[in-house]
N, C-alpha and C. Protein backbone atom coordinates (compact mmCIF):
# COMPACT_ATOMS: atom_id res chain seq x y z
N UNK A 1 25.40 -62.04 -108.04
CA UNK A 1 26.60 -61.22 -108.26
C UNK A 1 26.42 -60.19 -107.27
N UNK A 2 27.74 -60.10 -106.66
CA UNK A 2 27.92 -59.13 -105.52
C UNK A 2 28.29 -57.83 -106.00
N UNK A 3 27.87 -56.73 -105.54
CA UNK A 3 28.14 -55.48 -105.97
C UNK A 3 29.41 -54.90 -104.75
N UNK A 4 29.30 -55.49 -103.46
CA UNK A 4 30.36 -54.96 -102.64
C UNK A 4 29.61 -53.99 -101.83
N UNK A 5 28.23 -53.70 -102.22
CA UNK A 5 27.63 -52.67 -101.00
C UNK A 5 26.53 -53.49 -100.26
N UNK A 6 26.33 -52.90 -98.99
CA UNK A 6 25.48 -53.92 -98.04
C UNK A 6 24.04 -53.69 -98.62
N UNK A 7 23.41 -55.07 -98.33
CA UNK A 7 21.98 -54.85 -98.78
C UNK A 7 21.01 -53.98 -98.16
N UNK A 8 19.99 -53.09 -98.71
CA UNK A 8 19.35 -52.52 -97.92
C UNK A 8 18.50 -52.96 -96.69
N UNK A 9 18.56 -52.14 -95.65
CA UNK A 9 17.80 -53.02 -94.31
C UNK A 9 16.32 -52.59 -94.12
N UNK A 10 15.78 -52.64 -95.10
CA UNK A 10 14.19 -52.24 -95.23
C UNK A 10 13.67 -53.41 -94.33
N UNK A 11 13.75 -54.61 -94.37
CA UNK A 11 13.31 -55.60 -93.36
C UNK A 11 13.29 -55.30 -91.95
N UNK A 12 14.78 -54.94 -91.41
CA UNK A 12 14.77 -54.66 -90.20
C UNK A 12 14.19 -53.48 -89.61
N UNK A 13 14.10 -52.49 -90.49
CA UNK A 13 13.80 -51.08 -90.04
C UNK A 13 12.18 -51.18 -90.13
N UNK A 14 11.67 -52.15 -90.94
CA UNK A 14 10.07 -52.31 -90.98
C UNK A 14 9.83 -52.89 -89.59
N UNK A 15 10.54 -53.88 -89.36
CA UNK A 15 10.28 -54.69 -87.75
C UNK A 15 10.45 -53.77 -86.85
N UNK A 16 11.36 -52.86 -86.93
CA UNK A 16 11.74 -51.95 -85.56
C UNK A 16 10.47 -51.02 -85.75
N UNK A 17 9.91 -50.32 -86.69
CA UNK A 17 8.86 -49.43 -86.78
C UNK A 17 7.42 -50.02 -86.45
N UNK A 18 7.33 -51.38 -86.76
CA UNK A 18 6.19 -52.05 -86.51
C UNK A 18 6.34 -52.48 -84.61
N UNK A 19 7.42 -52.75 -84.30
CA UNK A 19 7.75 -52.97 -82.93
C UNK A 19 7.46 -51.44 -82.03
N UNK A 20 7.78 -50.45 -82.63
CA UNK A 20 7.58 -49.24 -81.79
C UNK A 20 6.23 -48.78 -81.89
N UNK A 21 5.44 -48.79 -82.81
CA UNK A 21 3.95 -48.61 -83.07
C UNK A 21 3.20 -49.43 -82.08
N UNK A 22 3.55 -50.85 -81.98
CA UNK A 22 2.98 -51.76 -81.05
C UNK A 22 3.18 -51.40 -79.49
N UNK A 23 4.37 -50.80 -79.24
CA UNK A 23 4.59 -50.63 -78.12
C UNK A 23 4.08 -49.25 -77.65
N UNK A 24 3.86 -48.38 -78.47
CA UNK A 24 3.21 -47.06 -78.14
C UNK A 24 1.55 -47.36 -78.16
N UNK A 25 1.08 -48.02 -78.97
CA UNK A 25 -0.14 -48.51 -78.65
C UNK A 25 -0.56 -49.25 -77.35
N UNK A 26 0.09 -49.94 -77.05
CA UNK A 26 -0.14 -51.06 -75.68
C UNK A 26 0.11 -50.00 -74.71
N UNK A 27 1.29 -49.23 -74.58
CA UNK A 27 1.24 -48.27 -73.57
C UNK A 27 0.13 -47.45 -73.31
N UNK A 28 -0.31 -46.75 -74.73
CA UNK A 28 -1.17 -45.91 -74.62
C UNK A 28 -2.53 -46.25 -74.15
N UNK A 29 -2.88 -47.54 -74.42
CA UNK A 29 -4.14 -48.19 -74.25
C UNK A 29 -4.07 -48.45 -72.34
N UNK A 30 -3.16 -48.56 -71.96
CA UNK A 30 -2.74 -49.05 -70.53
C UNK A 30 -3.11 -47.77 -69.52
N UNK A 31 -2.80 -46.71 -70.29
CA UNK A 31 -2.85 -45.27 -69.65
C UNK A 31 -4.04 -44.54 -70.06
N UNK A 32 -5.13 -45.21 -70.93
CA UNK A 32 -5.76 -44.38 -71.53
C UNK A 32 -6.97 -43.79 -70.58
N UNK A 33 -7.38 -42.63 -70.69
CA UNK A 33 -8.42 -42.11 -69.80
C UNK A 33 -9.84 -42.46 -70.30
N UNK A 34 -10.24 -43.60 -69.50
CA UNK A 34 -11.59 -44.09 -70.15
C UNK A 34 -12.67 -43.15 -69.52
N UNK A 35 -13.58 -42.95 -70.36
CA UNK A 35 -14.78 -42.12 -69.88
C UNK A 35 -15.94 -42.77 -69.91
N UNK A 36 -16.12 -43.90 -70.35
CA UNK A 36 -17.37 -44.73 -70.31
C UNK A 36 -17.40 -45.86 -68.83
N UNK A 37 -18.22 -45.40 -68.11
CA UNK A 37 -18.24 -46.66 -67.20
C UNK A 37 -19.01 -48.06 -67.49
N UNK A 38 -19.70 -47.74 -68.29
CA UNK A 38 -20.16 -48.70 -69.09
C UNK A 38 -19.43 -49.82 -69.79
N UNK A 39 -18.31 -49.17 -70.63
CA UNK A 39 -17.28 -49.86 -71.42
C UNK A 39 -16.46 -50.73 -70.52
N UNK A 40 -15.48 -49.95 -69.86
CA UNK A 40 -14.23 -50.32 -69.19
C UNK A 40 -14.51 -49.67 -67.76
N UNK A 41 -14.97 -49.85 -66.81
CA UNK A 41 -15.40 -49.33 -65.64
C UNK A 41 -14.04 -49.31 -64.83
N UNK A 42 -13.66 -48.19 -64.24
CA UNK A 42 -12.35 -48.17 -63.42
C UNK A 42 -12.54 -48.10 -61.92
N UNK A 43 -11.74 -48.38 -60.99
CA UNK A 43 -11.78 -48.22 -59.60
C UNK A 43 -11.84 -46.92 -59.08
N UNK A 44 -11.18 -45.87 -59.89
CA UNK A 44 -11.36 -44.37 -59.33
C UNK A 44 -12.45 -43.71 -59.68
N UNK A 45 -13.58 -44.42 -60.60
CA UNK A 45 -14.84 -44.31 -60.73
C UNK A 45 -16.04 -44.50 -59.70
N UNK A 46 -15.41 -45.40 -59.22
CA UNK A 46 -16.62 -46.24 -58.35
C UNK A 46 -17.08 -45.27 -57.40
N UNK A 47 -18.52 -45.32 -57.07
CA UNK A 47 -19.20 -44.77 -56.07
C UNK A 47 -18.61 -44.85 -54.61
N UNK A 48 -18.69 -43.73 -54.00
CA UNK A 48 -17.88 -43.98 -52.64
C UNK A 48 -18.45 -43.07 -51.55
N UNK A 49 -18.15 -43.26 -50.47
CA UNK A 49 -18.49 -42.31 -49.20
C UNK A 49 -17.22 -41.81 -48.59
N UNK A 50 -17.14 -40.59 -48.52
CA UNK A 50 -16.05 -40.13 -47.70
C UNK A 50 -15.86 -40.43 -46.23
N UNK A 51 -14.74 -41.01 -45.77
CA UNK A 51 -14.82 -41.02 -44.38
C UNK A 51 -14.76 -39.78 -43.65
N UNK A 52 -15.63 -39.88 -42.25
CA UNK A 52 -15.86 -38.76 -41.46
C UNK A 52 -16.68 -37.33 -42.02
N UNK A 53 -17.15 -37.73 -43.22
CA UNK A 53 -18.08 -36.57 -43.69
C UNK A 53 -19.08 -36.21 -42.98
N UNK A 54 -19.18 -34.91 -42.62
CA UNK A 54 -20.24 -34.18 -42.09
C UNK A 54 -20.92 -33.32 -42.53
N UNK A 55 -22.12 -33.06 -42.09
CA UNK A 55 -23.14 -31.84 -43.07
C UNK A 55 -23.68 -31.07 -41.59
N UNK A 56 -23.32 -29.67 -41.98
CA UNK A 56 -23.73 -28.59 -40.97
C UNK A 56 -25.42 -28.43 -40.98
N UNK A 57 -25.99 -28.27 -39.84
CA UNK A 57 -27.25 -28.26 -39.73
C UNK A 57 -27.55 -27.24 -38.56
N UNK A 58 -28.43 -26.30 -38.50
CA UNK A 58 -28.38 -25.45 -37.75
C UNK A 58 -27.32 -25.14 -36.53
N UNK A 59 -26.15 -24.66 -37.18
CA UNK A 59 -25.00 -23.97 -36.86
C UNK A 59 -24.48 -25.14 -35.96
N UNK A 60 -24.85 -26.57 -36.19
CA UNK A 60 -23.93 -27.66 -35.54
C UNK A 60 -23.73 -28.53 -36.73
N UNK A 61 -22.80 -29.64 -36.24
CA UNK A 61 -22.29 -30.60 -37.29
C UNK A 61 -22.95 -32.03 -36.90
N UNK A 62 -23.76 -32.43 -37.88
CA UNK A 62 -24.31 -33.68 -37.88
C UNK A 62 -23.47 -34.96 -38.18
N UNK A 63 -23.50 -35.98 -37.55
CA UNK A 63 -22.48 -37.05 -38.28
C UNK A 63 -22.97 -37.61 -39.58
N UNK A 64 -22.28 -37.77 -40.24
CA UNK A 64 -22.76 -38.30 -41.69
C UNK A 64 -23.42 -39.47 -41.60
N UNK A 65 -24.84 -39.62 -42.32
CA UNK A 65 -25.75 -40.53 -42.02
C UNK A 65 -25.03 -41.55 -43.25
N UNK A 66 -25.16 -42.91 -42.90
CA UNK A 66 -24.70 -43.98 -43.78
C UNK A 66 -25.74 -43.83 -45.01
N UNK A 67 -24.89 -44.25 -46.35
CA UNK A 67 -26.23 -44.23 -47.33
C UNK A 67 -26.92 -45.54 -47.18
N UNK A 68 -28.08 -45.27 -48.04
CA UNK A 68 -29.08 -46.48 -48.02
C UNK A 68 -28.42 -47.86 -48.11
N UNK A 69 -29.06 -48.95 -47.61
CA UNK A 69 -28.63 -50.30 -47.97
C UNK A 69 -27.14 -50.98 -47.59
N UNK A 70 -26.71 -49.83 -46.82
CA UNK A 70 -25.31 -50.27 -46.08
C UNK A 70 -25.70 -51.07 -45.01
N UNK A 71 -24.91 -52.11 -44.41
CA UNK A 71 -24.95 -52.96 -43.39
C UNK A 71 -24.18 -52.44 -42.26
N UNK A 72 -25.00 -52.18 -41.18
CA UNK A 72 -24.47 -51.42 -39.87
C UNK A 72 -23.60 -53.01 -39.17
N UNK A 73 -22.89 -52.36 -38.33
CA UNK A 73 -21.95 -53.64 -37.64
C UNK A 73 -22.95 -54.54 -36.71
N UNK A 74 -24.06 -53.86 -36.39
CA UNK A 74 -24.85 -54.87 -35.34
C UNK A 74 -25.90 -55.75 -36.40
N UNK A 75 -25.81 -55.62 -37.95
CA UNK A 75 -26.82 -56.18 -38.55
C UNK A 75 -27.94 -55.38 -38.79
N UNK A 76 -28.80 -56.20 -39.76
CA UNK A 76 -29.85 -55.41 -40.31
C UNK A 76 -31.15 -55.43 -39.12
N UNK A 77 -31.93 -54.31 -39.15
CA UNK A 77 -33.27 -54.55 -38.47
C UNK A 77 -33.95 -55.51 -38.99
N UNK A 78 -34.67 -56.25 -38.06
CA UNK A 78 -35.76 -57.52 -38.59
C UNK A 78 -36.96 -56.75 -39.23
N UNK A 79 -37.07 -57.30 -40.53
CA UNK A 79 -38.37 -56.99 -41.19
C UNK A 79 -39.58 -57.01 -40.30
N UNK A 80 -40.74 -56.16 -40.83
CA UNK A 80 -41.75 -56.31 -40.15
C UNK A 80 -43.05 -56.13 -41.28
N UNK A 81 -44.08 -56.87 -41.31
CA UNK A 81 -44.90 -57.13 -42.18
C UNK A 81 -46.16 -55.95 -42.04
N UNK A 82 -46.23 -55.34 -43.16
CA UNK A 82 -47.25 -54.25 -43.07
C UNK A 82 -48.57 -54.76 -43.26
N UNK A 83 -48.81 -55.94 -43.82
CA UNK A 83 -49.82 -57.01 -44.08
C UNK A 83 -50.54 -57.26 -42.72
N UNK A 84 -49.51 -57.26 -41.58
CA UNK A 84 -49.88 -57.97 -40.29
C UNK A 84 -50.19 -56.97 -39.51
N UNK A 85 -51.01 -56.36 -39.05
CA UNK A 85 -51.42 -55.14 -38.18
C UNK A 85 -50.69 -55.52 -36.72
N UNK A 86 -51.02 -56.93 -36.24
CA UNK A 86 -50.90 -57.68 -35.01
C UNK A 86 -49.20 -57.54 -35.11
N UNK A 87 -48.56 -57.68 -36.26
CA UNK A 87 -47.01 -57.58 -35.77
C UNK A 87 -46.28 -56.35 -35.78
N UNK A 88 -46.87 -55.54 -36.32
CA UNK A 88 -46.49 -54.08 -36.06
C UNK A 88 -47.12 -53.75 -34.79
N UNK A 89 -48.16 -53.83 -34.18
CA UNK A 89 -48.75 -53.42 -32.96
C UNK A 89 -47.82 -54.20 -31.83
N UNK A 90 -47.33 -55.35 -32.20
CA UNK A 90 -46.56 -56.05 -31.17
C UNK A 90 -45.15 -55.34 -30.80
N UNK A 91 -44.72 -54.42 -31.56
CA UNK A 91 -43.47 -54.05 -31.41
C UNK A 91 -43.60 -52.83 -29.91
N UNK A 92 -42.43 -53.13 -29.32
CA UNK A 92 -42.50 -52.07 -28.16
C UNK A 92 -41.68 -51.07 -28.28
N UNK A 93 -41.88 -49.88 -27.61
CA UNK A 93 -41.04 -48.72 -27.80
C UNK A 93 -39.78 -48.84 -26.83
N UNK A 94 -38.56 -49.19 -27.43
CA UNK A 94 -37.45 -49.22 -26.30
C UNK A 94 -37.12 -48.02 -25.96
N UNK A 95 -37.26 -46.81 -26.34
CA UNK A 95 -36.93 -45.44 -26.00
C UNK A 95 -38.02 -44.85 -24.94
N UNK A 96 -37.50 -44.67 -23.57
CA UNK A 96 -38.45 -44.25 -22.74
C UNK A 96 -38.63 -42.62 -22.83
N UNK A 97 -39.85 -42.00 -22.51
CA UNK A 97 -40.21 -41.01 -22.99
C UNK A 97 -39.48 -39.72 -22.03
N UNK A 98 -38.01 -39.74 -22.39
CA UNK A 98 -37.52 -38.50 -21.71
C UNK A 98 -37.37 -37.21 -22.40
N UNK A 99 -36.65 -36.51 -21.37
CA UNK A 99 -36.62 -35.04 -21.85
C UNK A 99 -35.47 -35.24 -23.45
N UNK A 100 -34.61 -35.92 -23.03
CA UNK A 100 -33.48 -36.26 -24.43
C UNK A 100 -34.36 -36.72 -25.47
N UNK A 101 -35.01 -37.57 -25.14
CA UNK A 101 -35.80 -38.50 -26.45
C UNK A 101 -36.96 -37.43 -26.98
N UNK A 102 -37.42 -36.63 -26.25
CA UNK A 102 -38.35 -35.83 -26.96
C UNK A 102 -37.75 -34.65 -27.67
N UNK A 103 -36.43 -34.31 -27.18
CA UNK A 103 -35.89 -33.39 -27.93
C UNK A 103 -35.38 -33.89 -29.37
N UNK A 104 -34.86 -35.02 -29.12
CA UNK A 104 -34.41 -35.38 -30.60
C UNK A 104 -35.69 -35.71 -31.33
N UNK A 105 -36.70 -36.49 -30.73
CA UNK A 105 -37.94 -36.51 -31.61
C UNK A 105 -38.49 -35.24 -32.35
N UNK A 106 -38.33 -34.11 -31.46
CA UNK A 106 -38.75 -32.98 -32.06
C UNK A 106 -38.07 -32.52 -33.15
N UNK A 107 -36.67 -32.49 -33.13
CA UNK A 107 -35.67 -31.90 -33.98
C UNK A 107 -35.91 -32.87 -35.28
N UNK A 108 -35.96 -34.25 -35.25
CA UNK A 108 -36.32 -35.16 -36.34
C UNK A 108 -37.45 -34.94 -36.93
N UNK A 109 -38.67 -34.95 -36.04
CA UNK A 109 -40.26 -34.45 -36.43
C UNK A 109 -40.06 -33.25 -37.45
N UNK A 110 -39.37 -32.14 -36.73
CA UNK A 110 -39.67 -30.82 -37.61
C UNK A 110 -38.75 -31.04 -39.02
N UNK A 111 -37.64 -31.43 -38.87
CA UNK A 111 -36.74 -31.76 -40.16
C UNK A 111 -37.63 -32.93 -41.17
N UNK A 112 -38.17 -34.40 -40.80
CA UNK A 112 -38.76 -35.03 -41.82
C UNK A 112 -40.06 -35.17 -41.86
N UNK A 113 -40.87 -34.73 -40.77
CA UNK A 113 -42.34 -34.71 -40.89
C UNK A 113 -43.05 -33.42 -40.94
N UNK A 114 -42.52 -32.58 -40.66
CA UNK A 114 -43.48 -31.27 -40.55
C UNK A 114 -43.83 -30.62 -42.06
N UNK A 115 -42.85 -31.21 -42.97
CA UNK A 115 -43.27 -30.39 -44.52
C UNK A 115 -44.80 -30.92 -44.61
N UNK A 116 -45.14 -32.02 -44.32
CA UNK A 116 -46.59 -32.51 -44.64
C UNK A 116 -47.33 -32.52 -43.38
N UNK A 117 -46.91 -32.92 -42.35
CA UNK A 117 -47.91 -32.97 -41.08
C UNK A 117 -47.98 -31.67 -40.57
N UNK A 118 -47.05 -30.77 -40.57
CA UNK A 118 -46.81 -29.46 -40.15
C UNK A 118 -46.29 -29.57 -38.75
N UNK A 119 -45.73 -28.40 -38.20
CA UNK A 119 -44.72 -28.55 -36.75
C UNK A 119 -45.49 -28.93 -35.63
N UNK A 120 -47.15 -28.80 -35.61
CA UNK A 120 -47.83 -29.01 -34.62
C UNK A 120 -48.47 -30.30 -34.66
N UNK A 121 -48.43 -31.08 -36.13
CA UNK A 121 -48.94 -32.22 -36.40
C UNK A 121 -50.31 -32.22 -37.00
N UNK A 122 -50.92 -30.95 -37.52
CA UNK A 122 -52.31 -30.82 -37.48
C UNK A 122 -52.62 -31.08 -39.09
N UNK A 123 -51.58 -31.54 -39.65
CA UNK A 123 -51.66 -31.66 -41.34
C UNK A 123 -51.54 -30.55 -41.99
N UNK A 124 -51.05 -29.75 -41.60
CA UNK A 124 -51.00 -28.22 -42.38
C UNK A 124 -49.45 -27.83 -42.71
N UNK A 125 -48.70 -28.60 -43.03
CA UNK A 125 -47.34 -28.30 -43.22
C UNK A 125 -47.12 -27.52 -44.43
N UNK A 126 -46.09 -27.18 -45.15
CA UNK A 126 -45.64 -26.17 -46.05
C UNK A 126 -46.25 -26.87 -47.58
N UNK A 127 -46.30 -28.16 -47.50
CA UNK A 127 -46.66 -28.74 -48.90
C UNK A 127 -48.07 -29.32 -48.98
N UNK A 128 -48.74 -28.96 -47.73
CA UNK A 128 -50.11 -29.38 -47.69
C UNK A 128 -50.90 -28.35 -48.21
N UNK A 129 -52.42 -28.87 -48.88
CA UNK A 129 -53.10 -27.77 -49.40
C UNK A 129 -53.76 -27.13 -48.30
N UNK A 130 -53.61 -27.66 -46.98
CA UNK A 130 -54.44 -27.06 -45.93
C UNK A 130 -53.32 -26.10 -44.95
N UNK A 131 -52.08 -26.12 -45.64
CA UNK A 131 -51.26 -25.18 -44.92
C UNK A 131 -51.43 -23.58 -45.43
N UNK A 132 -50.38 -23.02 -44.90
CA UNK A 132 -50.45 -21.44 -45.04
C UNK A 132 -50.06 -21.24 -46.48
N UNK A 133 -49.27 -21.90 -46.92
CA UNK A 133 -48.81 -21.64 -48.41
C UNK A 133 -49.46 -22.49 -49.19
N UNK A 134 -50.53 -23.30 -48.66
CA UNK A 134 -51.20 -24.19 -49.88
C UNK A 134 -50.52 -24.90 -51.01
N UNK A 135 -49.92 -25.80 -50.51
CA UNK A 135 -49.20 -26.58 -51.27
C UNK A 135 -50.05 -27.74 -51.94
N UNK A 136 -49.19 -28.79 -52.82
CA UNK A 136 -49.73 -29.31 -53.86
C UNK A 136 -50.49 -30.83 -53.26
N UNK A 137 -50.21 -30.97 -51.91
CA UNK A 137 -50.62 -32.37 -51.62
C UNK A 137 -52.10 -32.21 -50.69
N UNK A 138 -53.00 -32.78 -51.19
CA UNK A 138 -54.36 -32.95 -50.55
C UNK A 138 -54.46 -33.87 -49.45
N UNK A 139 -55.34 -33.69 -48.75
CA UNK A 139 -55.86 -34.62 -47.58
C UNK A 139 -54.48 -35.46 -46.81
N UNK A 140 -53.51 -34.35 -46.34
CA UNK A 140 -52.67 -34.96 -45.27
C UNK A 140 -53.22 -35.12 -43.78
N UNK A 141 -53.08 -36.31 -43.41
CA UNK A 141 -53.83 -36.72 -42.14
C UNK A 141 -52.95 -36.04 -41.13
N UNK A 142 -53.76 -35.50 -40.26
CA UNK A 142 -53.40 -34.88 -38.85
C UNK A 142 -52.98 -35.84 -38.03
N UNK A 143 -51.86 -35.67 -37.31
CA UNK A 143 -51.18 -36.85 -36.31
C UNK A 143 -51.45 -36.11 -34.84
N UNK A 144 -51.92 -35.08 -34.74
CA UNK A 144 -52.11 -34.43 -33.41
C UNK A 144 -53.36 -33.51 -33.59
N UNK A 145 -53.91 -33.22 -32.32
CA UNK A 145 -54.99 -32.41 -32.34
C UNK A 145 -56.27 -33.48 -32.36
N UNK A 146 -57.51 -32.78 -32.41
CA UNK A 146 -58.84 -33.68 -32.11
C UNK A 146 -58.81 -34.69 -33.32
N UNK A 147 -58.63 -34.65 -34.43
CA UNK A 147 -58.97 -35.45 -35.51
C UNK A 147 -57.53 -36.33 -35.75
N UNK A 148 -56.90 -36.30 -34.72
CA UNK A 148 -55.21 -36.90 -34.98
C UNK A 148 -55.81 -38.68 -35.09
N UNK A 149 -55.09 -39.10 -36.17
CA UNK A 149 -54.97 -40.62 -36.48
C UNK A 149 -54.28 -41.25 -35.59
N UNK A 150 -53.11 -40.65 -35.07
CA UNK A 150 -52.04 -41.28 -34.10
C UNK A 150 -52.72 -41.75 -32.91
N UNK A 151 -53.93 -41.34 -32.35
CA UNK A 151 -54.20 -41.31 -30.98
C UNK A 151 -54.81 -42.63 -30.92
N UNK A 152 -55.11 -43.17 -32.05
CA UNK A 152 -55.82 -44.83 -31.94
C UNK A 152 -55.07 -45.90 -32.40
N UNK A 153 -53.54 -45.31 -32.78
CA UNK A 153 -52.68 -46.50 -33.22
C UNK A 153 -51.65 -46.49 -32.37
N UNK A 154 -51.09 -47.77 -32.24
CA UNK A 154 -49.94 -48.26 -31.51
C UNK A 154 -48.39 -47.63 -31.66
N UNK A 155 -47.64 -47.68 -30.84
CA UNK A 155 -46.52 -47.14 -31.19
C UNK A 155 -45.86 -47.92 -32.16
N UNK A 156 -45.82 -49.34 -32.29
CA UNK A 156 -45.57 -49.99 -33.37
C UNK A 156 -45.94 -49.60 -34.72
N UNK A 157 -47.19 -49.28 -34.78
CA UNK A 157 -47.74 -48.92 -36.08
C UNK A 157 -47.26 -47.67 -36.35
N UNK A 158 -46.94 -46.68 -35.77
CA UNK A 158 -46.33 -45.61 -35.93
C UNK A 158 -45.04 -45.61 -36.55
N UNK A 159 -44.47 -46.36 -35.65
CA UNK A 159 -43.03 -46.69 -36.06
C UNK A 159 -42.99 -47.29 -37.55
N UNK A 160 -43.52 -48.40 -37.88
CA UNK A 160 -43.56 -49.01 -39.06
C UNK A 160 -44.03 -48.15 -39.99
N UNK A 161 -44.99 -46.94 -40.01
CA UNK A 161 -45.36 -46.22 -41.06
C UNK A 161 -44.27 -45.33 -41.47
N UNK A 162 -43.41 -44.92 -40.33
CA UNK A 162 -42.11 -44.00 -40.44
C UNK A 162 -41.29 -45.06 -41.20
N UNK A 163 -41.13 -46.14 -41.04
CA UNK A 163 -40.03 -47.11 -41.50
C UNK A 163 -40.23 -47.20 -42.87
N UNK A 164 -41.62 -47.91 -43.28
CA UNK A 164 -41.77 -48.33 -44.52
C UNK A 164 -42.62 -47.42 -45.41
N UNK A 165 -43.40 -46.47 -44.60
CA UNK A 165 -44.59 -45.61 -45.38
C UNK A 165 -45.76 -46.35 -45.55
N UNK A 166 -46.78 -45.59 -45.74
CA UNK A 166 -48.12 -46.39 -45.94
C UNK A 166 -48.93 -45.19 -46.85
N UNK A 167 -49.52 -45.81 -47.95
CA UNK A 167 -50.30 -45.31 -48.90
C UNK A 167 -49.56 -44.34 -49.54
N UNK A 168 -49.67 -42.73 -49.36
CA UNK A 168 -49.00 -41.76 -50.13
C UNK A 168 -47.74 -41.55 -49.28
N UNK A 169 -47.80 -41.83 -48.10
CA UNK A 169 -46.35 -41.18 -47.41
C UNK A 169 -45.27 -42.31 -47.73
N UNK A 170 -44.33 -41.68 -47.95
CA UNK A 170 -42.93 -42.36 -48.50
C UNK A 170 -42.17 -43.18 -47.37
N UNK A 171 -41.47 -44.09 -47.60
CA UNK A 171 -40.62 -44.62 -46.74
C UNK A 171 -39.56 -43.85 -46.08
N UNK A 172 -39.12 -43.74 -44.69
CA UNK A 172 -38.21 -42.92 -44.16
C UNK A 172 -37.46 -44.04 -43.26
N UNK A 173 -36.82 -44.78 -44.46
CA UNK A 173 -35.69 -46.13 -43.58
C UNK A 173 -34.43 -45.02 -43.43
N UNK A 174 -34.36 -44.05 -44.11
CA UNK A 174 -32.94 -43.22 -43.60
C UNK A 174 -32.96 -42.67 -42.58
N UNK A 175 -33.99 -42.52 -41.60
CA UNK A 175 -33.82 -42.35 -40.16
C UNK A 175 -33.35 -43.35 -39.49
N UNK A 176 -32.46 -43.29 -38.82
CA UNK A 176 -32.04 -44.45 -37.90
C UNK A 176 -32.98 -44.68 -36.97
N UNK A 177 -33.13 -46.12 -36.54
CA UNK A 177 -34.08 -46.74 -35.68
C UNK A 177 -34.43 -46.04 -34.48
N UNK A 178 -33.50 -45.58 -33.60
CA UNK A 178 -33.65 -44.78 -32.41
C UNK A 178 -34.39 -43.55 -32.57
N UNK A 179 -34.14 -42.50 -33.76
CA UNK A 179 -34.59 -41.45 -33.88
C UNK A 179 -36.13 -41.75 -34.35
N UNK A 180 -36.45 -42.99 -35.06
CA UNK A 180 -37.77 -43.16 -35.25
C UNK A 180 -38.39 -43.52 -34.03
N UNK A 181 -37.89 -44.24 -33.25
CA UNK A 181 -38.60 -44.11 -31.91
C UNK A 181 -38.92 -42.80 -31.13
N UNK A 182 -37.93 -42.01 -31.21
CA UNK A 182 -38.14 -40.53 -30.76
C UNK A 182 -39.26 -39.61 -31.10
N UNK A 183 -39.26 -40.06 -32.63
CA UNK A 183 -40.36 -39.39 -33.39
C UNK A 183 -41.78 -39.79 -32.98
N UNK A 184 -41.73 -41.21 -32.59
CA UNK A 184 -43.14 -41.57 -31.77
C UNK A 184 -43.38 -41.06 -30.70
N UNK A 185 -42.17 -41.18 -29.79
CA UNK A 185 -42.40 -40.45 -28.51
C UNK A 185 -42.81 -38.68 -28.61
N UNK A 186 -42.53 -38.10 -29.72
CA UNK A 186 -42.81 -36.65 -29.73
C UNK A 186 -44.15 -36.65 -30.20
N UNK A 187 -44.54 -37.64 -31.21
CA UNK A 187 -46.12 -37.60 -31.61
C UNK A 187 -46.87 -37.85 -30.40
N UNK A 188 -46.63 -39.06 -29.42
CA UNK A 188 -47.40 -39.01 -28.40
C UNK A 188 -47.25 -37.60 -27.32
N UNK A 189 -46.58 -36.89 -27.32
CA UNK A 189 -46.20 -35.79 -26.58
C UNK A 189 -47.06 -34.63 -27.06
N UNK A 190 -47.25 -34.55 -28.56
CA UNK A 190 -48.30 -33.57 -29.15
C UNK A 190 -49.47 -34.04 -29.06
N UNK A 191 -49.85 -35.28 -28.78
CA UNK A 191 -51.29 -35.83 -28.49
C UNK A 191 -51.50 -36.01 -27.17
N UNK A 192 -50.59 -35.38 -26.10
CA UNK A 192 -50.76 -35.46 -24.88
C UNK A 192 -51.07 -36.77 -24.18
N UNK A 193 -50.09 -37.97 -24.94
CA UNK A 193 -50.38 -39.35 -24.43
C UNK A 193 -48.95 -39.65 -24.07
N UNK A 194 -49.02 -40.69 -23.06
CA UNK A 194 -47.85 -41.27 -22.57
C UNK A 194 -47.50 -42.43 -23.30
N UNK A 195 -48.40 -42.68 -24.42
CA UNK A 195 -47.97 -44.08 -25.38
C UNK A 195 -49.33 -45.10 -25.17
N UNK A 196 -49.49 -45.55 -26.36
CA UNK A 196 -50.56 -46.58 -26.49
C UNK A 196 -49.86 -48.03 -26.63
N UNK A 197 -50.52 -48.97 -25.98
CA UNK A 197 -49.91 -50.23 -25.73
C UNK A 197 -50.04 -50.96 -26.96
N UNK A 198 -51.30 -51.22 -27.14
CA UNK A 198 -51.89 -51.86 -28.44
C UNK A 198 -53.53 -51.70 -28.57
């Protein structure tokens, strides 16, 4: 029996309210600020290197060194086995001992090597127990002077030691290949040598 009044529209209002809630939830999830890289990583949180980034050092600007494990345009440096001394000794230093090479080698040596080996290579750097500050590291090998271990080692041996590290010495792969060879030249200069063939 009809009363003449329209039927309540609870069904259509309920559907409209449900559609509104679903739309709001879907939209908010799409714009949701995700704080967990483990659950839902976003591109904006990825690790990146800024283009043309530079670091000041000694009142000059050094070009930004690429992060570890990046692939240079010319490809990777071929690996050398530390187990095979002959393979390391066979490496020839491609950098002639010039003033420019020695100056670059000196700068890199003072930056990377002198904290342990000392500026003069006598094993008396700031972290060495034999240094003036009596640091925590004992028995740092001298690479210059009368007790120099470098005097009897080939250029390739010194180079691979810088590249991979040996025993307690860590790897310095982050130093560019040309700079490592310049450090080898500087070590030869400290030892008053022109280079050791093999």
